Each structure stands twice: as structure tokens, then as C-alpha cells.
N, C-alpha and C. Protein backbone atom coordinates (compact mmCIF):
# COMPACT_ATOMS: atom_id res chain seq x y z
N MET A 1 0.97 -1.27 -0.02
CA MET A 1 -0.05 0.01 -0.01
C MET A 1 0.85 1.23 -0.06
N ILE A 2 0.51 2.15 -0.88
CA ILE A 2 1.31 3.41 -0.82
C ILE A 2 0.33 4.58 -0.75
N LYS A 3 0.32 5.28 0.36
CA LYS A 3 -0.56 6.42 0.56
C LYS A 3 -2.10 5.89 0.41
N GLY A 4 -2.36 4.73 1.02
CA GLY A 4 -3.84 4.21 1.02
C GLY A 4 -4.11 3.54 -0.30
N LEU A 5 -3.17 3.28 -1.29
CA LEU A 5 -3.54 2.65 -2.52
C LEU A 5 -3.35 1.22 -2.36
N LEU A 6 -4.27 0.32 -2.71
CA LEU A 6 -4.15 -1.04 -2.73
C LEU A 6 -3.38 -1.42 -3.94
N LEU A 7 -2.34 -2.28 -3.86
CA LEU A 7 -1.66 -2.76 -5.01
C LEU A 7 -2.06 -4.10 -5.22
N PRO A 8 -2.94 -4.43 -6.24
CA PRO A 8 -3.48 -5.79 -6.48
C PRO A 8 -2.34 -6.58 -7.12
N HIS A 9 -2.52 -7.97 -6.91
CA HIS A 9 -1.58 -8.85 -7.49
C HIS A 9 -1.78 -8.95 -8.87
N LEU A 10 -0.74 -9.30 -9.68
CA LEU A 10 -0.91 -9.29 -11.12
C LEU A 10 -1.58 -10.70 -11.59
N ARG A 11 -1.46 -11.57 -10.51
CA ARG A 11 -2.00 -12.91 -10.81
C ARG A 11 -3.57 -13.00 -11.14
N GLU A 12 -3.98 -13.71 -11.96
CA GLU A 12 -5.45 -13.78 -12.33
C GLU A 12 -6.06 -14.25 -11.04
N GLY A 13 -7.27 -13.75 -10.82
CA GLY A 13 -8.12 -14.10 -9.69
C GLY A 13 -7.67 -13.46 -8.45
N ARG A 14 -6.64 -12.76 -8.35
CA ARG A 14 -6.27 -12.10 -7.08
C ARG A 14 -6.35 -10.61 -7.26
N GLU A 15 -6.69 -10.16 -8.62
CA GLU A 15 -6.80 -8.77 -8.87
C GLU A 15 -8.02 -8.19 -8.15
N SER A 16 -7.95 -6.92 -7.59
CA SER A 16 -8.84 -6.21 -7.03
C SER A 16 -10.03 -5.81 -8.09
N SER A 17 -11.34 -5.76 -7.66
CA SER A 17 -12.25 -5.34 -8.66
C SER A 17 -12.43 -3.80 -8.42
N VAL A 18 -11.66 -3.24 -7.41
CA VAL A 18 -11.71 -1.84 -7.30
C VAL A 18 -10.81 -1.00 -8.26
N VAL A 19 -9.57 -1.47 -8.43
CA VAL A 19 -8.67 -0.93 -9.37
C VAL A 19 -7.90 -1.94 -10.07
N THR A 20 -7.29 -1.70 -11.18
CA THR A 20 -6.49 -2.67 -11.88
C THR A 20 -5.09 -2.53 -11.57
N ALA A 21 -4.32 -3.63 -11.81
CA ALA A 21 -2.96 -3.57 -11.58
C ALA A 21 -2.28 -2.37 -12.46
N GLU A 22 -2.74 -2.26 -13.59
CA GLU A 22 -2.23 -1.17 -14.52
C GLU A 22 -2.42 0.10 -13.75
N GLU A 23 -3.67 0.45 -13.31
CA GLU A 23 -3.93 1.72 -12.62
C GLU A 23 -2.88 1.96 -11.47
N CYS A 24 -2.68 0.86 -10.65
CA CYS A 24 -1.75 0.99 -9.56
C CYS A 24 -0.26 1.23 -9.98
N LEU A 25 0.13 0.53 -11.08
CA LEU A 25 1.54 0.77 -11.58
C LEU A 25 1.68 2.17 -12.09
N HIS A 26 0.68 2.63 -12.74
CA HIS A 26 0.65 4.02 -13.26
C HIS A 26 0.72 5.09 -12.04
N TYR A 27 -0.05 4.74 -10.97
CA TYR A 27 -0.02 5.55 -9.86
C TYR A 27 1.37 5.64 -9.21
N VAL A 28 1.94 4.43 -9.15
CA VAL A 28 3.37 4.49 -8.42
C VAL A 28 4.33 5.18 -9.44
N MET A 29 4.23 5.03 -10.64
CA MET A 29 5.23 5.61 -11.64
C MET A 29 4.95 7.13 -11.62
N SER A 30 3.91 7.57 -11.13
CA SER A 30 3.59 9.00 -11.10
C SER A 30 4.17 9.64 -9.76
N LEU A 31 4.64 8.75 -8.84
CA LEU A 31 5.18 9.43 -7.59
C LEU A 31 6.66 9.73 -7.82
N PRO A 32 7.21 10.60 -6.97
CA PRO A 32 8.64 10.91 -7.14
C PRO A 32 9.59 9.83 -6.65
N VAL A 33 9.59 8.65 -7.24
CA VAL A 33 10.40 7.55 -6.94
C VAL A 33 11.65 7.38 -7.88
N HIS A 34 12.73 6.93 -7.45
CA HIS A 34 13.90 6.63 -8.30
C HIS A 34 13.82 5.18 -8.83
N VAL A 35 13.32 4.28 -8.08
CA VAL A 35 13.21 2.88 -8.48
C VAL A 35 11.99 2.31 -8.14
N MET A 36 11.41 1.50 -9.02
CA MET A 36 10.21 0.71 -8.80
C MET A 36 10.47 -0.80 -9.17
N ILE A 37 10.25 -1.60 -8.19
CA ILE A 37 10.50 -3.00 -8.45
C ILE A 37 9.12 -3.71 -8.59
N VAL A 38 8.91 -4.41 -9.70
CA VAL A 38 7.75 -5.22 -9.86
C VAL A 38 8.14 -6.69 -10.07
N ALA A 39 7.66 -7.49 -9.13
CA ALA A 39 7.95 -8.94 -9.17
C ALA A 39 7.07 -9.57 -10.17
N CYS A 40 7.71 -10.15 -11.16
CA CYS A 40 7.03 -10.90 -12.25
C CYS A 40 7.69 -12.30 -12.50
N ASP A 41 6.91 -13.38 -11.98
CA ASP A 41 7.65 -14.61 -11.98
C ASP A 41 7.23 -15.54 -13.25
N THR A 42 6.25 -14.93 -14.13
CA THR A 42 5.94 -15.63 -15.49
C THR A 42 5.99 -14.64 -16.57
N LEU A 43 6.03 -15.16 -17.68
CA LEU A 43 6.04 -14.24 -18.88
C LEU A 43 4.65 -13.45 -19.06
N PRO A 44 3.53 -14.07 -18.83
CA PRO A 44 2.29 -13.19 -18.83
C PRO A 44 2.24 -12.03 -17.85
N TYR A 45 2.80 -12.24 -16.62
CA TYR A 45 2.74 -11.16 -15.74
C TYR A 45 3.81 -10.09 -16.19
N LEU A 46 4.93 -10.54 -16.72
CA LEU A 46 5.98 -9.49 -17.23
C LEU A 46 5.37 -8.73 -18.27
N GLU A 47 4.69 -9.44 -19.17
CA GLU A 47 4.05 -8.80 -20.37
C GLU A 47 3.07 -7.69 -19.88
N LYS A 48 2.23 -8.04 -18.91
CA LYS A 48 1.32 -7.16 -18.35
C LYS A 48 1.85 -5.86 -17.73
N ALA A 49 2.95 -6.13 -16.93
CA ALA A 49 3.73 -4.99 -16.38
C ALA A 49 4.38 -4.13 -17.46
N LEU A 50 4.92 -4.70 -18.52
CA LEU A 50 5.50 -3.97 -19.62
C LEU A 50 4.47 -3.11 -20.35
N ALA A 51 3.23 -3.77 -20.64
CA ALA A 51 2.20 -2.99 -21.24
C ALA A 51 1.83 -1.88 -20.44
N ALA A 52 1.79 -1.95 -19.06
CA ALA A 52 1.48 -0.76 -18.16
C ALA A 52 2.50 0.22 -18.29
N ALA A 53 3.91 -0.10 -18.40
CA ALA A 53 4.86 0.75 -18.56
C ALA A 53 4.87 1.55 -19.93
N ASN A 54 4.46 0.85 -20.89
CA ASN A 54 4.36 1.42 -22.30
C ASN A 54 3.17 2.37 -22.38
N SER A 55 2.21 2.17 -21.68
CA SER A 55 0.91 2.95 -21.82
C SER A 55 0.98 4.19 -20.73
N PHE A 56 2.00 4.28 -19.97
CA PHE A 56 2.15 5.16 -18.90
C PHE A 56 2.10 6.64 -19.27
N ARG A 57 1.25 7.37 -18.50
CA ARG A 57 1.20 8.84 -18.71
C ARG A 57 1.11 9.33 -17.23
N PRO A 58 1.93 10.24 -16.83
CA PRO A 58 1.89 10.73 -15.46
C PRO A 58 0.54 11.22 -14.93
N PHE A 59 0.10 10.79 -13.81
CA PHE A 59 -1.25 11.26 -13.28
C PHE A 59 -1.09 12.78 -12.89
N THR A 60 -2.17 13.44 -13.17
CA THR A 60 -2.33 14.77 -12.64
C THR A 60 -3.09 14.65 -11.30
N ALA A 61 -3.38 15.82 -10.61
CA ALA A 61 -3.98 15.67 -9.19
C ALA A 61 -5.32 15.10 -9.39
N GLU A 62 -6.22 15.34 -10.32
CA GLU A 62 -7.54 15.01 -10.29
C GLU A 62 -7.63 13.37 -10.49
N PRO A 63 -6.98 12.75 -11.43
CA PRO A 63 -7.04 11.32 -11.58
C PRO A 63 -6.28 10.56 -10.38
N ARG A 64 -5.36 11.23 -9.77
CA ARG A 64 -4.68 10.55 -8.65
C ARG A 64 -5.71 10.52 -7.40
N GLU A 65 -6.39 11.68 -7.22
CA GLU A 65 -7.28 11.76 -6.13
C GLU A 65 -8.53 10.78 -6.35
N ALA A 66 -8.99 10.55 -7.66
CA ALA A 66 -10.08 9.77 -7.96
C ALA A 66 -9.58 8.34 -7.66
N LEU A 67 -8.41 8.03 -7.99
CA LEU A 67 -7.96 6.63 -7.68
C LEU A 67 -7.90 6.33 -6.28
N LEU A 68 -7.25 7.23 -5.52
CA LEU A 68 -7.24 7.12 -4.00
C LEU A 68 -8.61 7.03 -3.38
N GLY A 69 -9.50 7.84 -3.89
CA GLY A 69 -10.97 7.82 -3.40
C GLY A 69 -11.61 6.34 -3.71
N LYS A 70 -11.26 5.76 -4.81
CA LYS A 70 -11.81 4.42 -5.23
C LYS A 70 -11.31 3.37 -4.19
N THR A 71 -10.18 3.56 -3.80
CA THR A 71 -9.54 2.46 -2.94
C THR A 71 -9.82 2.67 -1.44
N ALA A 72 -10.29 3.85 -1.06
CA ALA A 72 -10.34 4.14 0.40
C ALA A 72 -11.12 3.17 1.11
N GLU A 73 -12.37 2.78 0.77
CA GLU A 73 -13.08 1.93 1.47
C GLU A 73 -12.55 0.39 1.45
N ALA A 74 -12.13 0.03 0.31
CA ALA A 74 -11.53 -1.50 0.24
C ALA A 74 -10.25 -1.55 1.05
N TRP A 75 -9.45 -0.53 1.31
CA TRP A 75 -8.24 -0.43 1.99
C TRP A 75 -8.41 -0.82 3.45
N LYS A 76 -9.55 -0.44 4.02
CA LYS A 76 -9.82 -0.42 5.45
C LYS A 76 -9.75 -1.89 5.99
N GLY A 77 -10.26 -2.91 5.28
CA GLY A 77 -10.23 -4.24 5.86
C GLY A 77 -8.96 -5.05 5.72
N GLY A 78 -8.02 -4.52 4.93
CA GLY A 78 -6.84 -5.39 4.77
C GLY A 78 -6.84 -6.49 3.82
N LYS A 79 -8.02 -6.73 3.24
CA LYS A 79 -8.22 -7.91 2.29
C LYS A 79 -7.21 -8.17 1.31
N PHE A 80 -6.68 -7.13 0.75
CA PHE A 80 -5.60 -7.27 -0.34
C PHE A 80 -4.25 -7.26 0.34
N GLU A 81 -4.15 -7.03 1.54
CA GLU A 81 -2.80 -6.92 2.23
C GLU A 81 -2.58 -7.91 3.39
N PRO A 82 -2.70 -9.19 3.09
CA PRO A 82 -2.79 -10.23 4.18
C PRO A 82 -1.35 -10.19 4.95
N PHE A 83 -0.36 -9.71 4.20
CA PHE A 83 1.01 -9.69 4.86
C PHE A 83 0.97 -8.63 5.99
N LYS A 84 0.05 -7.65 6.01
CA LYS A 84 -0.08 -6.63 6.90
C LYS A 84 -1.18 -6.97 7.94
N SER A 85 -2.24 -7.59 7.59
CA SER A 85 -3.38 -7.72 8.32
C SER A 85 -3.56 -9.18 8.99
N THR A 86 -2.75 -10.07 8.68
CA THR A 86 -2.79 -11.45 9.31
C THR A 86 -1.32 -11.92 9.65
N SER A 87 -1.24 -12.96 10.40
CA SER A 87 0.07 -13.48 10.61
C SER A 87 0.51 -14.59 9.70
N GLU A 88 -0.29 -14.76 8.53
CA GLU A 88 -0.04 -15.78 7.57
C GLU A 88 1.42 -15.71 7.03
N PHE A 89 2.02 -14.55 6.95
CA PHE A 89 3.35 -14.28 6.30
C PHE A 89 4.31 -14.09 7.33
N ASP A 90 4.01 -14.14 8.47
CA ASP A 90 4.96 -13.79 9.65
C ASP A 90 5.79 -15.02 10.11
N THR A 91 6.91 -15.15 9.45
CA THR A 91 7.81 -16.33 9.71
C THR A 91 8.27 -16.27 11.21
N ALA A 92 8.42 -15.21 11.78
CA ALA A 92 8.84 -15.19 13.22
C ALA A 92 7.64 -15.66 14.13
N GLU A 93 6.53 -15.44 13.75
CA GLU A 93 5.37 -15.93 14.56
C GLU A 93 5.28 -17.47 14.56
N ARG A 94 5.68 -18.08 13.44
CA ARG A 94 5.65 -19.59 13.30
C ARG A 94 7.01 -20.19 13.83
N ASN A 95 7.93 -19.37 14.17
CA ASN A 95 9.21 -19.76 14.67
C ASN A 95 9.66 -18.95 15.81
N ARG A 96 8.83 -18.96 16.85
CA ARG A 96 9.04 -18.04 17.98
C ARG A 96 10.41 -18.43 18.71
N HIS A 97 10.91 -19.65 18.50
CA HIS A 97 12.21 -19.98 19.08
C HIS A 97 13.27 -19.08 18.52
N TRP A 98 13.20 -18.53 17.39
CA TRP A 98 14.10 -17.61 16.80
C TRP A 98 14.21 -16.44 17.64
N LEU A 99 13.21 -16.01 18.39
CA LEU A 99 13.15 -14.87 19.07
C LEU A 99 13.58 -15.12 20.60
N GLY A 100 13.82 -16.35 20.79
CA GLY A 100 14.26 -16.83 22.22
C GLY A 100 12.99 -16.89 23.10
N LEU A 101 11.82 -17.15 22.38
CA LEU A 101 10.52 -17.33 23.30
C LEU A 101 10.23 -18.79 23.35
């Protein structure tokens, strides 16, 4: 999540119905960042990310605010960010002995 924006997975079936992966990539590319890393483990996901890069036009204030407004309600529950809202991805939780507990 960046400033309240849900970053949907590029995998089929995991994408948000609120925003597309392309919209999210365009949003991030419109931010003042030097490096953006997009994990693509198959050729179709890489092609999708490259298509987003090729169609990129920087967001102006109005579309940026509209996109953030669309994601505001969906963001609240953490549905698309289980690594933040659950312990499913917390390796330390599953290996408490690492922490001396």
C-alpha cells in the first residue's frame, strides 16, 4: 500500500475489482520515486507490467485523487494486504524460538 492505495496482485483471480494492476502501476510511476520493483515470475505477468509501462502517462492531481478515493473503503479491511493484516506471512510468529521465546 502506498498512501492508501491497494496494489493488487498481477495474478489472475487475485486482482482487485476496485482498481486494476495497471492503474496501480501508473499511480506508483507518477510518484517521485527513483526505483520501482515489480515482481513478475511468469512471462504473462511480465508482459502485463511492460504493457502498463508502455501506456504510462503521469497522473495529474484529479485522476490521482479519484484513484485514491476508489480504494479508500476497500483498503480499510486489509483484504488485499494479508501480509499486513494477518500472521499468515509472519515467519517469526511460526518460529518463535528464533526470538528466544
